[in-house]
Amino acid sequence: MTVEEGVWRIGDAAFFGCTNLESVAFPDSLTSIRPCAFGDCVRLRRVWCGTGLAEVGQAAFGGCKNLQNIYFNGDAPKQLGTRILVRTPATLVNHVRSGAKGWGVRWPANDDFSRPVAVVEPQALTNLWKETLRR
């Protein structure tokens, strides 16, 4: 699913329990993902975030048991809720823009443990991005 440019917030539990969602791509205009917005989306595997994301709410992706990666194209979100990735296997948080601010070697997901961060150059993601948008 690709969220249209101009959307600035995904509301509380907006897609909670959606069983058909496999990937989601957010536009640069999105600034906030509210609590439990994608909670228990059991088929969700990949999340792509634009440059404007500043807030990720509590358990925003909690219970997404197939979530593999989250890709950020901007600076690290400044406001993080608790247990954002609780009950998910996501072990790697990626940022794809060299020079993005606020990233360290681990993402403090305010969870039971933090997730490692990796820099992935955009060219390496071209095919993966196209595959995601086709779904």
C-alpha atoms as a PDB file:
ATOM      1  CA  MET A   1       0.000   0.000   0.000  1.00  0.00           C
ATOM      2  CA  THR A   2       1.276   3.461  -0.856  1.00  0.00           C
ATOM      3  CA  VAL A   3      -0.064   6.338   1.234  1.00  0.00           C
ATOM      4  CA  GLU A   4      -0.686   9.464  -0.853  1.00  0.00           C
ATOM      5  CA  GLU A   5       1.450  12.592  -0.541  1.00  0.00           C
ATOM      6  CA  GLY A   6      -0.361  15.144   1.623  1.00  0.00           C
ATOM      7  CA  VAL A   7      -1.353  12.676   4.349  1.00  0.00           C
ATOM      8  CA  TRP A   8       0.344  13.898   7.517  1.00  0.00           C
ATOM      9  CA  ARG A   9      -0.858  11.442  10.182  1.00  0.00           C
ATOM     10  CA  ILE A  10      -1.913   7.810  10.510  1.00  0.00           C
ATOM     11  CA  GLY A  11      -4.417   7.717  13.382  1.00  0.00           C
ATOM     12  CA  ASP A  12      -4.622   5.527  16.466  1.00  0.00           C
ATOM     13  CA  ALA A  13      -5.243   1.882  15.483  1.00  0.00           C
ATOM     14  CA  ALA A  14      -6.074   2.999  11.921  1.00  0.00           C
ATOM     15  CA  PHE A  15      -5.026  -0.320  10.371  1.00  0.00           C
ATOM     16  CA  PHE A  16      -5.060  -2.453  13.523  1.00  0.00           C
ATOM     17  CA  GLY A  17      -5.525  -6.125  12.681  1.00  0.00           C
ATOM     18  CA  CYS A  18      -5.473  -5.622   8.908  1.00  0.00           C
ATOM     19  CA  THR A  19      -4.676  -9.103   7.605  1.00  0.00           C
ATOM     20  CA  ASN A  20      -4.077  -8.240   3.943  1.00  0.00           C
ATOM     21  CA  LEU A  21      -1.397  -5.581   4.333  1.00  0.00           C
ATOM     22  CA  GLU A  22       2.082  -6.806   3.305  1.00  0.00           C
ATOM     23  CA  SER A  23       3.959  -3.538   2.828  1.00  0.00           C
ATOM     24  CA  VAL A  24       3.350   0.143   3.314  1.00  0.00           C
ATOM     25  CA  ALA A  25       5.149   3.178   1.886  1.00  0.00           C
ATOM     26  CA  PHE A  26       4.676   6.560   3.548  1.00  0.00           C
ATOM     27  CA  PRO A  27       5.118   9.899   1.758  1.00  0.00           C
ATOM     28  CA  ASP A  28       7.463  12.669   2.833  1.00  0.00           C
ATOM     29  CA  SER A  29       4.417  14.588   4.135  1.00  0.00           C
ATOM     30  CA  LEU A  30       3.727  12.001   6.873  1.00  0.00           C
ATOM     31  CA  THR A  31       4.898  13.329  10.240  1.00  0.00           C
ATOM     32  CA  SER A  32       3.126  11.037  12.720  1.00  0.00           C
ATOM     33  CA  ILE A  33       2.228   7.377  13.131  1.00  0.00           C
ATOM     34  CA  ARG A  34      -0.062   7.178  16.149  1.00  0.00           C
ATOM     35  CA  PRO A  35      -0.251   4.375  18.761  1.00  0.00           C
ATOM     36  CA  CYS A  36      -1.173   0.893  17.531  1.00  0.00           C
ATOM     37  CA  ALA A  37      -1.680   2.250  13.994  1.00  0.00           C
ATOM     38  CA  PHE A  38      -0.471  -1.010  12.435  1.00  0.00           C
ATOM     39  CA  GLY A  39      -0.746  -3.280  15.462  1.00  0.00           C
ATOM     40  CA  ASP A  40      -1.326  -6.965  14.720  1.00  0.00           C
ATOM     41  CA  CYS A  41      -0.998  -6.557  10.944  1.00  0.00           C
ATOM     42  CA  VAL A  42       0.252 -10.123  10.805  1.00  0.00           C
ATOM     43  CA  ARG A  43       1.262 -10.155   7.118  1.00  0.00           C
ATOM     44  CA  LEU A  44       3.113  -6.809   7.166  1.00  0.00           C
ATOM     45  CA  ARG A  45       6.733  -7.399   6.102  1.00  0.00           C
ATOM     46  CA  ARG A  46       8.205  -4.018   5.087  1.00  0.00           C
ATOM     47  CA  VAL A  47       7.651  -0.388   5.996  1.00  0.00           C
ATOM     48  CA  TRP A  48       9.062   2.565   4.011  1.00  0.00           C
ATOM     49  CA  CYS A  49       9.091   5.969   5.723  1.00  0.00           C
ATOM     50  CA  GLY A  50       9.545   9.318   3.974  1.00  0.00           C
ATOM     51  CA  THR A  51      11.664  12.238   5.107  1.00  0.00           C
ATOM     52  CA  GLY A  52       9.072  13.930   7.328  1.00  0.00           C
ATOM     53  CA  LEU A  53       8.384  11.271   9.976  1.00  0.00           C
ATOM     54  CA  ALA A  54       8.952  12.836  13.401  1.00  0.00           C
ATOM     55  CA  GLU A  55       6.783  10.718  15.720  1.00  0.00           C
ATOM     56  CA  VAL A  56       6.118   6.988  16.091  1.00  0.00           C
ATOM     57  CA  GLY A  57       3.532   6.098  18.738  1.00  0.00           C
ATOM     58  CA  GLN A  58       3.338   3.352  21.316  1.00  0.00           C
ATOM     59  CA  ALA A  59       3.170  -0.171  19.846  1.00  0.00           C
ATOM     60  CA  ALA A  60       2.721   1.346  16.369  1.00  0.00           C
ATOM     61  CA  PHE A  61       3.898  -1.929  14.813  1.00  0.00           C
ATOM     62  CA  GLY A  62       3.353  -4.224  17.794  1.00  0.00           C
ATOM     63  CA  GLY A  63       2.349  -7.765  16.965  1.00  0.00           C
ATOM     64  CA  CYS A  64       3.392  -7.563  13.307  1.00  0.00           C
ATOM     65  CA  LYS A  65       4.823 -11.061  13.476  1.00  0.00           C
ATOM     66  CA  ASN A  66       6.234 -11.035   9.919  1.00  0.00           C
ATOM     67  CA  LEU A  67       7.764  -7.542   9.963  1.00  0.00           C
ATOM     68  CA  GLN A  68      11.312  -7.837   8.656  1.00  0.00           C
ATOM     69  CA  ASN A  69      12.571  -4.317   8.002  1.00  0.00           C
ATOM     70  CA  ILE A  70      11.702  -0.673   8.461  1.00  0.00           C
ATOM     71  CA  TYR A  71      13.352   1.766   6.039  1.00  0.00           C
ATOM     72  CA  PHE A  72      13.689   5.462   6.865  1.00  0.00           C
ATOM     73  CA  ASN A  73      14.544   8.031   4.211  1.00  0.00           C
ATOM     74  CA  GLY A  74      15.072  10.857   6.672  1.00  0.00           C
ATOM     75  CA  ASP A  75      16.323  11.796  10.074  1.00  0.00           C
ATOM     76  CA  ALA A  76      15.512   9.585  13.044  1.00  0.00           C
ATOM     77  CA  PRO A  77      12.039  10.331  14.493  1.00  0.00           C
ATOM     78  CA  LYS A  78      12.363  12.649  17.493  1.00  0.00           C
ATOM     79  CA  GLN A  79       9.393  11.291  19.466  1.00  0.00           C
ATOM     80  CA  LEU A  80       9.209   7.567  20.097  1.00  0.00           C
ATOM     81  CA  GLY A  81       6.469   5.805  22.030  1.00  0.00           C
ATOM     82  CA  THR A  82       7.113   2.697  24.072  1.00  0.00           C
ATOM     83  CA  ARG A  83       7.254  -0.833  22.702  1.00  0.00           C
ATOM     84  CA  ILE A  84       7.031   0.294  19.067  1.00  0.00           C
ATOM     85  CA  LEU A  85       8.184  -3.096  17.778  1.00  0.00           C
ATOM     86  CA  VAL A  86       6.919  -5.342  20.579  1.00  0.00           C
ATOM     87  CA  ARG A  87       6.186  -8.917  19.472  1.00  0.00           C
ATOM     88  CA  THR A  88       7.824  -8.420  16.072  1.00  0.00           C
ATOM     89  CA  PRO A  89      10.812 -10.236  14.607  1.00  0.00           C
ATOM     90  CA  ALA A  90      12.134  -7.017  13.052  1.00  0.00           C
ATOM     91  CA  THR A  91      15.778  -7.066  13.905  1.00  0.00           C
ATOM     92  CA  LEU A  92      17.068  -4.313  11.673  1.00  0.00           C
ATOM     93  CA  VAL A  93      16.122  -0.685  11.206  1.00  0.00           C
ATOM     94  CA  ASN A  94      17.528   0.887   8.050  1.00  0.00           C
ATOM     95  CA  HIS A  95      18.062   4.455   6.989  1.00  0.00           C
ATOM     96  CA  VAL A  96      18.746   5.103   3.365  1.00  0.00           C
ATOM     97  CA  ARG A  97      19.937   8.693   3.196  1.00  0.00           C
ATOM     98  CA  SER A  98      23.571   9.351   3.901  1.00  0.00           C
ATOM     99  CA  GLY A  99      23.947  12.228   6.316  1.00  0.00           C
ATOM    100  CA  ALA A 100      20.590  11.679   8.034  1.00  0.00           C
ATOM    101  CA  LYS A 101      20.626  12.966  11.622  1.00  0.00           C
ATOM    102  CA  GLY A 102      19.870  11.257  14.895  1.00  0.00           C
ATOM    103  CA  TRP A 103      20.891   7.743  13.933  1.00  0.00           C
ATOM    104  CA  GLY A 104      23.323   5.717  15.984  1.00  0.00           C
ATOM    105  CA  VAL A 105      24.280   2.063  15.687  1.00  0.00           C
ATOM    106  CA  ARG A 106      21.125   1.000  17.549  1.00  0.00           C
ATOM    107  CA  TRP A 107      17.572   2.308  17.398  1.00  0.00           C
ATOM    108  CA  PRO A 108      16.165   2.827  20.885  1.00  0.00           C
ATOM    109  CA  ALA A 109      12.722   1.419  20.098  1.00  0.00           C
ATOM    110  CA  ASN A 110      11.797   1.762  23.785  1.00  0.00           C
ATOM    111  CA  ASP A 111      11.104  -1.942  23.648  1.00  0.00           C
ATOM    112  CA  ASP A 112      12.478  -4.889  25.535  1.00  0.00           C
ATOM    113  CA  PHE A 113      15.623  -4.419  23.447  1.00  0.00           C
ATOM    114  CA  SER A 114      16.910  -1.977  20.863  1.00  0.00           C
ATOM    115  CA  ARG A 115      17.365  -2.790  17.180  1.00  0.00           C
ATOM    116  CA  PRO A 116      20.581  -2.450  15.174  1.00  0.00           C
ATOM    117  CA  VAL A 117      20.684   0.288  12.553  1.00  0.00           C
ATOM    118  CA  ALA A 118      22.247  -0.074   9.116  1.00  0.00           C
ATOM    119  CA  VAL A 119      22.860   2.397   6.330  1.00  0.00           C
ATOM    120  CA  VAL A 120      21.531   1.084   3.031  1.00  0.00           C
ATOM    121  CA  GLU A 121      22.272   3.122  -0.049  1.00  0.00           C
ATOM    122  CA  PRO A 122      19.172   3.922  -2.148  1.00  0.00           C
ATOM    123  CA  GLN A 123      20.583   2.297  -5.289  1.00  0.00           C
ATOM    124  CA  ALA A 124      20.611  -1.076  -3.528  1.00  0.00           C
ATOM    125  CA  LEU A 125      16.903  -0.774  -2.788  1.00  0.00           C
ATOM    126  CA  THR A 126      15.619   0.088  -6.252  1.00  0.00           C
ATOM    127  CA  ASN A 127      14.444  -3.418  -7.154  1.00  0.00           C
ATOM    128  CA  LEU A 128      13.061  -4.107  -3.691  1.00  0.00           C
ATOM    129  CA  TRP A 129      11.134  -0.804  -3.784  1.00  0.00           C
ATOM    130  CA  LYS A 130       9.647  -1.605  -7.209  1.00  0.00           C
ATOM    131  CA  GLU A 131       8.609  -5.061  -5.998  1.00  0.00           C
ATOM    132  CA  THR A 132       6.925  -3.519  -2.951  1.00  0.00           C
ATOM    133  CA  LEU A 133       4.958  -0.995  -5.006  1.00  0.00           C
ATOM    134  CA  ARG A 134       3.666  -3.731  -7.331  1.00  0.00           C
ATOM    135  CA  ARG A 135       1.926  -5.522  -4.453  1.00  0.00           C
END
